N, C-alpha and C. Protein backbone atom coordinates (compact mmCIF):
# COMPACT_ATOMS: atom_id res chain seq x y z
N MET A 1 16.59 70.03 206.79
CA MET A 1 17.35 69.05 205.92
C MET A 1 17.90 67.88 207.08
N VAL A 2 18.43 68.26 208.08
CA VAL A 2 18.75 67.20 209.11
C VAL A 2 17.45 66.33 209.55
N MET A 3 16.33 67.07 209.78
CA MET A 3 15.16 66.47 210.03
C MET A 3 14.64 65.45 208.90
N LYS A 4 14.83 65.97 207.67
CA LYS A 4 14.50 64.95 206.53
C LYS A 4 15.27 63.65 206.61
N LYS A 5 16.47 63.77 206.90
CA LYS A 5 17.44 62.67 206.86
C LYS A 5 16.99 61.74 208.11
N ILE A 6 16.72 62.34 209.22
CA ILE A 6 16.30 61.66 210.26
C ILE A 6 15.02 60.69 209.85
N VAL A 7 14.07 61.36 209.66
CA VAL A 7 12.92 60.75 209.11
C VAL A 7 12.97 59.57 208.19
N THR A 8 13.85 59.90 207.20
CA THR A 8 14.02 58.93 206.15
C THR A 8 14.85 57.70 206.63
N CYS A 9 15.90 57.89 207.39
CA CYS A 9 16.49 56.79 208.40
C CYS A 9 15.44 55.92 209.15
N ALA A 10 14.69 56.65 209.68
CA ALA A 10 13.60 55.93 210.73
C ALA A 10 12.62 55.11 209.83
N ALA A 11 12.22 55.71 208.81
CA ALA A 11 11.29 54.93 207.95
C ALA A 11 11.91 53.90 207.31
N LEU A 12 13.19 53.82 206.85
CA LEU A 12 13.96 52.75 206.10
C LEU A 12 14.11 51.42 207.51
N ALA A 13 14.46 51.97 208.61
CA ALA A 13 14.65 51.29 209.80
C ALA A 13 13.42 50.35 210.04
N ALA A 14 12.34 51.02 210.23
CA ALA A 14 11.15 50.53 210.43
C ALA A 14 10.63 49.50 209.30
N ILE A 15 10.89 49.76 208.12
CA ILE A 15 10.50 48.63 206.96
C ILE A 15 11.37 47.68 207.14
N THR A 16 12.92 47.82 207.43
CA THR A 16 13.82 46.72 207.55
C THR A 16 13.38 45.68 208.82
N LEU A 17 13.15 46.48 209.73
CA LEU A 17 12.90 45.59 210.89
C LEU A 17 11.52 45.03 211.08
N SER A 18 10.59 45.39 210.05
CA SER A 18 9.31 44.77 210.01
C SER A 18 9.17 43.23 209.31
N VAL A 19 10.26 43.30 208.56
CA VAL A 19 10.33 41.88 207.89
C VAL A 19 11.14 40.92 208.77
N PRO A 20 10.56 39.61 208.99
CA PRO A 20 11.41 38.71 209.83
C PRO A 20 12.78 38.31 208.96
N MET A 21 13.73 38.28 209.96
CA MET A 21 15.00 38.00 209.67
C MET A 21 15.10 36.65 209.02
N THR A 22 14.30 35.68 209.65
CA THR A 22 14.60 34.52 209.09
C THR A 22 13.55 33.95 207.84
N ALA A 23 13.14 35.17 207.30
CA ALA A 23 12.11 34.90 206.22
C ALA A 23 12.87 34.87 204.75
N SER A 24 12.53 33.90 203.84
CA SER A 24 13.34 33.78 202.66
C SER A 24 12.40 33.50 201.49
N ALA A 25 12.78 33.79 200.31
CA ALA A 25 11.85 33.68 199.01
C ALA A 25 12.32 32.40 198.47
N ALA A 26 11.62 31.34 198.72
CA ALA A 26 12.03 29.99 198.17
C ALA A 26 11.48 30.12 196.61
N ARG A 27 12.05 28.99 196.10
CA ARG A 27 12.12 28.85 194.65
C ARG A 27 10.58 28.66 194.43
N TYR A 28 10.18 28.99 193.00
CA TYR A 28 8.67 28.73 192.57
C TYR A 28 7.60 29.21 193.18
N GLY A 29 8.00 30.74 193.89
CA GLY A 29 6.42 31.17 194.36
C GLY A 29 6.13 30.90 195.77
N PHE A 30 7.10 30.27 196.60
CA PHE A 30 6.86 30.05 198.03
C PHE A 30 7.57 31.00 198.71
N GLN A 31 7.14 31.43 199.92
CA GLN A 31 7.83 32.07 200.99
C GLN A 31 8.08 31.03 202.46
N THR A 32 9.21 31.05 202.93
CA THR A 32 9.45 30.29 204.16
C THR A 32 9.78 31.28 205.31
N VAL A 33 9.09 31.15 206.49
CA VAL A 33 9.25 32.00 207.57
C VAL A 33 9.42 31.25 208.85
N ALA A 34 10.47 31.34 209.76
CA ALA A 34 10.44 30.81 211.01
C ALA A 34 9.33 31.23 211.89
N VAL A 35 8.77 30.20 212.60
CA VAL A 35 7.65 30.65 213.62
C VAL A 35 8.42 30.83 215.00
N ASN A 36 9.07 29.67 215.01
CA ASN A 36 9.94 29.67 216.30
C ASN A 36 11.44 28.82 216.21
N ASN A 37 12.06 28.53 217.17
CA ASN A 37 13.43 27.91 217.09
C ASN A 37 13.14 26.60 216.21
N SER A 38 12.19 25.90 216.38
CA SER A 38 12.04 24.69 215.63
C SER A 38 11.12 24.40 214.60
N VAL A 39 10.11 25.57 214.36
CA VAL A 39 9.08 25.25 213.39
C VAL A 39 9.12 26.39 212.26
N PHE A 40 9.12 25.90 211.20
CA PHE A 40 9.03 26.92 210.12
C PHE A 40 7.64 26.86 209.11
N GLU A 41 7.42 27.89 208.60
CA GLU A 41 6.01 27.58 207.63
C GLU A 41 6.56 27.76 206.19
N VAL A 42 6.02 27.17 205.39
CA VAL A 42 6.06 27.47 204.07
C VAL A 42 4.67 27.98 203.48
N ILE A 43 4.70 29.34 202.81
CA ILE A 43 3.61 29.89 202.46
C ILE A 43 3.55 30.14 201.01
N PRO A 44 2.45 29.83 200.17
CA PRO A 44 2.52 29.76 198.77
C PRO A 44 2.30 31.29 198.33
N ARG A 45 2.83 31.71 197.29
CA ARG A 45 2.60 32.92 196.72
C ARG A 45 1.86 32.84 195.34
N SER A 46 2.21 31.88 194.59
CA SER A 46 1.63 31.85 193.33
C SER A 46 1.20 30.42 193.03
N ARG A 47 2.29 29.30 193.19
CA ARG A 47 2.10 28.03 193.11
C ARG A 47 1.34 27.35 194.43
N ARG A 48 0.80 26.37 194.10
CA ARG A 48 0.15 25.77 195.42
C ARG A 48 0.21 24.13 195.64
N ASP A 49 1.04 23.69 194.58
CA ASP A 49 0.95 22.13 194.45
C ASP A 49 1.99 21.90 195.81
N ALA A 50 1.88 20.60 196.30
CA ALA A 50 2.35 19.83 197.16
C ALA A 50 3.98 19.62 196.95
N ASP A 51 4.34 19.49 195.73
CA ASP A 51 5.83 19.48 195.57
C ASP A 51 6.44 20.82 195.88
N GLY A 52 5.86 21.76 195.49
CA GLY A 52 6.36 23.24 195.77
C GLY A 52 6.58 23.37 197.37
N TYR A 53 5.56 22.74 198.18
CA TYR A 53 5.87 23.09 199.56
C TYR A 53 7.06 22.35 199.98
N TRP A 54 7.06 21.03 199.56
CA TRP A 54 8.50 20.29 199.99
C TRP A 54 9.49 20.93 199.74
N CYS A 55 9.57 21.26 198.33
CA CYS A 55 10.90 21.91 197.58
C CYS A 55 11.14 23.14 198.62
N ALA A 56 10.15 23.94 198.95
CA ALA A 56 10.57 25.12 199.43
C ALA A 56 11.00 24.71 201.10
N ALA A 57 10.58 23.88 201.64
CA ALA A 57 10.85 23.13 202.89
C ALA A 57 12.27 22.91 203.04
N ALA A 58 12.53 21.90 201.79
CA ALA A 58 13.97 21.47 201.71
C ALA A 58 15.06 22.61 201.72
N ASP A 59 14.76 23.58 200.88
CA ASP A 59 15.57 24.83 200.73
C ASP A 59 15.77 25.48 201.92
N PHE A 60 14.97 25.71 202.72
CA PHE A 60 14.78 26.44 204.03
C PHE A 60 15.84 25.54 204.98
N ALA A 61 15.47 24.42 205.15
CA ALA A 61 16.08 23.52 205.95
C ALA A 61 17.70 23.36 205.53
N ARG A 62 17.82 23.20 204.45
CA ARG A 62 19.49 23.29 203.83
C ARG A 62 20.22 24.58 203.89
N ARG A 63 19.62 25.58 203.51
CA ARG A 63 20.20 26.94 203.50
C ARG A 63 20.24 27.55 204.97
N THR A 64 19.12 27.62 205.49
CA THR A 64 19.02 28.44 206.57
C THR A 64 19.27 27.70 207.84
N LEU A 65 18.70 26.31 208.02
CA LEU A 65 18.97 25.67 209.29
C LEU A 65 20.28 24.72 209.03
N GLY A 66 20.79 24.73 207.98
CA GLY A 66 22.08 23.90 207.73
C GLY A 66 21.84 22.42 207.89
N ALA A 67 20.83 21.96 207.48
CA ALA A 67 20.41 20.61 207.68
C ALA A 67 21.26 19.70 206.57
N GLY A 68 21.55 18.63 207.03
CA GLY A 68 22.19 17.53 205.91
C GLY A 68 21.29 17.16 204.89
N TRP A 69 21.76 16.37 203.81
CA TRP A 69 20.78 15.96 202.86
C TRP A 69 19.93 14.76 203.50
N GLN A 70 20.53 13.88 204.32
CA GLN A 70 19.68 13.00 205.03
C GLN A 70 18.88 13.16 206.20
N GLN A 71 18.80 14.33 206.55
CA GLN A 71 17.98 14.92 207.65
C GLN A 71 16.53 14.97 207.23
N PRO A 72 15.75 14.43 208.13
CA PRO A 72 14.33 14.38 207.87
C PRO A 72 13.67 15.66 207.97
N ILE A 73 12.58 15.95 207.10
CA ILE A 73 11.89 17.20 207.41
C ILE A 73 10.32 16.66 207.69
N TYR A 74 9.89 16.88 208.85
CA TYR A 74 8.52 16.52 209.25
C TYR A 74 7.56 17.49 209.12
N VAL A 75 6.26 17.29 208.89
CA VAL A 75 4.91 18.14 208.86
C VAL A 75 4.66 17.93 210.10
N VAL A 76 4.61 19.31 210.69
CA VAL A 76 4.21 19.80 211.84
C VAL A 76 2.63 19.91 212.06
N ARG A 77 2.22 20.55 211.00
CA ARG A 77 0.74 20.95 210.92
C ARG A 77 0.54 21.03 209.47
N GLY A 78 -0.71 20.54 209.03
CA GLY A 78 -1.07 20.41 207.44
C GLY A 78 -1.44 21.96 207.24
N TYR A 79 -2.21 21.92 205.91
CA TYR A 79 -2.81 23.17 205.69
C TYR A 79 -3.47 23.89 206.74
N GLY A 80 -3.36 25.25 207.04
CA GLY A 80 -4.06 26.10 207.98
C GLY A 80 -3.36 27.64 207.86
N PRO A 81 -3.94 28.45 208.46
CA PRO A 81 -3.56 29.77 208.59
C PRO A 81 -2.26 30.11 208.82
N SER A 82 -1.41 30.94 208.28
CA SER A 82 -0.09 31.36 208.56
C SER A 82 0.07 32.04 210.16
N GLU A 83 0.91 31.38 210.92
CA GLU A 83 0.95 32.30 212.41
C GLU A 83 1.97 33.44 212.18
N ALA A 84 2.79 33.36 211.09
CA ALA A 84 3.78 34.50 210.94
C ALA A 84 3.36 35.37 210.01
N THR A 85 2.62 35.15 209.23
CA THR A 85 2.35 36.40 208.10
C THR A 85 0.74 36.55 208.12
N GLY A 86 -0.19 35.83 208.56
CA GLY A 86 -1.57 35.96 208.61
C GLY A 86 -2.23 35.48 207.27
N ARG A 87 -1.42 35.05 206.33
CA ARG A 87 -2.04 34.70 204.85
C ARG A 87 -2.92 33.31 205.31
N ARG A 88 -3.88 33.02 204.55
CA ARG A 88 -4.89 32.13 204.77
C ARG A 88 -4.28 30.59 204.73
N THR A 89 -3.21 30.48 203.77
CA THR A 89 -2.66 28.86 203.78
C THR A 89 -1.24 29.07 203.96
N ALA A 90 -0.58 28.00 204.82
CA ALA A 90 0.52 27.50 205.08
C ALA A 90 0.70 26.33 205.56
N VAL A 91 1.78 25.67 205.31
CA VAL A 91 2.06 24.44 206.09
C VAL A 91 3.41 24.70 206.90
N GLN A 92 3.24 23.84 208.25
CA GLN A 92 4.41 23.98 209.13
C GLN A 92 5.20 22.79 209.13
N PHE A 93 6.44 23.03 209.23
CA PHE A 93 7.41 21.99 209.01
C PHE A 93 8.46 22.13 210.06
N SER A 94 9.26 21.04 210.56
CA SER A 94 10.26 21.16 211.35
C SER A 94 11.38 20.06 211.07
N ILE A 95 12.48 20.15 211.39
CA ILE A 95 13.51 19.02 211.27
C ILE A 95 13.70 18.36 212.66
N THR A 96 12.87 18.51 213.50
CA THR A 96 12.71 17.77 214.58
C THR A 96 11.22 17.17 214.61
N PRO A 97 11.31 15.97 215.16
CA PRO A 97 9.97 15.25 215.12
C PRO A 97 8.79 16.09 215.97
N PRO A 98 7.70 16.15 215.47
CA PRO A 98 6.66 16.92 216.27
C PRO A 98 6.11 15.83 217.46
N LYS A 99 5.94 16.56 218.45
CA LYS A 99 5.55 15.90 219.82
C LYS A 99 4.22 15.25 219.61
N GLY A 100 3.79 14.03 220.17
CA GLY A 100 2.45 13.65 220.37
C GLY A 100 1.83 13.33 218.96
N VAL A 101 2.82 12.88 218.06
CA VAL A 101 2.11 12.47 216.62
C VAL A 101 2.92 11.17 216.35
N ASP A 102 1.99 10.42 215.69
CA ASP A 102 2.44 9.00 215.34
C ASP A 102 3.49 9.00 214.02
N LEU A 103 4.54 8.72 214.13
CA LEU A 103 5.49 8.92 213.04
C LEU A 103 5.56 7.57 212.34
N ASN A 104 4.76 6.57 212.56
CA ASN A 104 4.93 5.43 212.03
C ASN A 104 3.54 5.21 210.92
N ASN A 105 3.01 6.14 210.90
CA ASN A 105 1.69 6.11 210.06
C ASN A 105 2.09 6.13 208.60
N ASN A 106 1.65 4.91 208.08
CA ASN A 106 2.06 4.72 206.69
C ASN A 106 0.85 5.00 205.81
N THR A 107 -0.15 5.45 206.17
CA THR A 107 -1.13 5.68 205.41
C THR A 107 -1.04 6.78 204.19
N ILE A 108 -1.86 6.46 203.22
CA ILE A 108 -1.70 7.51 202.01
C ILE A 108 -2.59 8.67 202.44
N SER A 109 -2.25 9.73 202.12
CA SER A 109 -3.31 10.87 202.27
C SER A 109 -2.86 11.98 201.30
N VAL A 110 -3.95 12.78 201.16
CA VAL A 110 -3.92 13.89 200.12
C VAL A 110 -3.65 15.01 201.12
N GLY A 111 -2.65 15.65 200.58
CA GLY A 111 -2.27 17.00 201.20
C GLY A 111 -1.20 16.79 202.33
N PHE A 112 -1.22 17.32 203.33
CA PHE A 112 -0.16 17.27 204.60
C PHE A 112 -0.76 16.80 205.70
N LYS A 113 -0.33 15.62 206.24
CA LYS A 113 -0.79 15.30 207.76
C LYS A 113 0.50 15.30 208.81
N ALA A 114 0.42 15.87 209.79
CA ALA A 114 1.19 15.99 210.90
C ALA A 114 2.05 14.61 210.82
N GLY A 115 3.38 14.48 211.06
CA GLY A 115 3.94 13.28 211.09
C GLY A 115 4.66 12.96 209.86
N GLN A 116 4.15 13.32 208.68
CA GLN A 116 4.73 12.86 207.49
C GLN A 116 5.95 13.58 207.48
N SER A 117 7.03 12.78 206.63
CA SER A 117 8.33 13.03 206.47
C SER A 117 9.07 12.72 205.29
N ARG A 118 10.00 13.40 205.04
CA ARG A 118 10.72 13.40 203.82
C ARG A 118 12.33 13.76 203.97
N SER A 119 13.11 13.11 203.65
CA SER A 119 14.46 13.65 203.71
C SER A 119 14.77 14.89 202.95
N VAL A 120 15.73 15.69 203.35
CA VAL A 120 15.92 17.05 202.68
C VAL A 120 16.29 16.58 201.31
N GLN A 121 17.08 15.57 200.82
CA GLN A 121 17.39 15.20 199.53
C GLN A 121 16.11 14.74 198.81
N SER A 122 15.08 14.12 199.25
CA SER A 122 13.89 13.71 198.81
C SER A 122 13.11 14.76 198.34
N ALA A 123 13.05 15.87 199.35
CA ALA A 123 12.14 16.93 199.27
C ALA A 123 12.81 17.84 198.28
N ASN A 124 14.21 18.10 198.18
CA ASN A 124 14.90 18.70 197.08
C ASN A 124 14.59 18.18 195.89
N GLY A 125 14.34 16.79 195.77
CA GLY A 125 14.24 16.25 194.29
C GLY A 125 12.97 16.43 193.65
N LEU A 126 12.05 16.86 194.31
CA LEU A 126 10.69 17.52 193.94
C LEU A 126 10.91 18.97 193.24
N CYS A 127 11.75 19.59 193.48
CA CYS A 127 12.08 21.05 193.02
C CYS A 127 12.24 21.02 191.48
N ASN A 128 12.56 20.03 190.79
CA ASN A 128 12.84 19.84 189.58
C ASN A 128 11.70 18.96 188.75
N ARG A 129 10.71 18.61 189.49
CA ARG A 129 9.49 17.84 188.73
C ARG A 129 8.76 18.96 187.98
N ARG A 130 8.45 18.70 186.76
CA ARG A 130 7.57 19.53 186.09
C ARG A 130 6.25 19.30 186.32
N GLN A 131 5.39 20.49 186.32
CA GLN A 131 3.99 20.51 186.71
C GLN A 131 3.27 19.84 185.31
N ILE A 132 2.35 18.87 185.54
CA ILE A 132 1.51 18.36 184.25
C ILE A 132 0.54 19.45 184.22
N PHE A 133 -0.18 19.68 185.13
CA PHE A 133 -1.48 20.62 185.17
C PHE A 133 -1.13 21.64 185.99
N ASP A 134 -1.60 22.89 185.87
CA ASP A 134 -1.51 24.15 186.44
C ASP A 134 -2.61 24.41 187.42
C-alpha cells in the first residue's frame, strides 16, 4: 500500500514538473511558453491567423511579464519550429528589442518579420476582432 502511494506521488510529480512553469494557455487556441528570460513563443493549437499570435503575445506580456499597456512587443523570429515544444510552427516574441535587427523597417510584409512591433494595447485589441474567413 505504501509503495503504491509512493509510485503515484512520483508519477504526479513527474507530470507536473514536465510542463514548463511559464507556459500558459492563451485565448483562442494558442499556447505561450518562455524560451529564456527575454524570449517567449506563441504556438498555435487550432487557430493560425496573425491576429491570434499577437493577441496571445499581448496576454503573456501583460499577465506573465507584467508589461504595461504601452510596452512594445517585438517579433524576434517569424514562423519557425518551436524551441520549447518541438511543434512545427511558432513565432518568437520579446518585450526587449531584438539585437541585430533594423527596428525602423516600415515595409509591409505578410506574416511576421523580426523587428516588427506593436504595443501591448494594440496587440490586445486584435483579440476582439472577428475572423471573416476560417
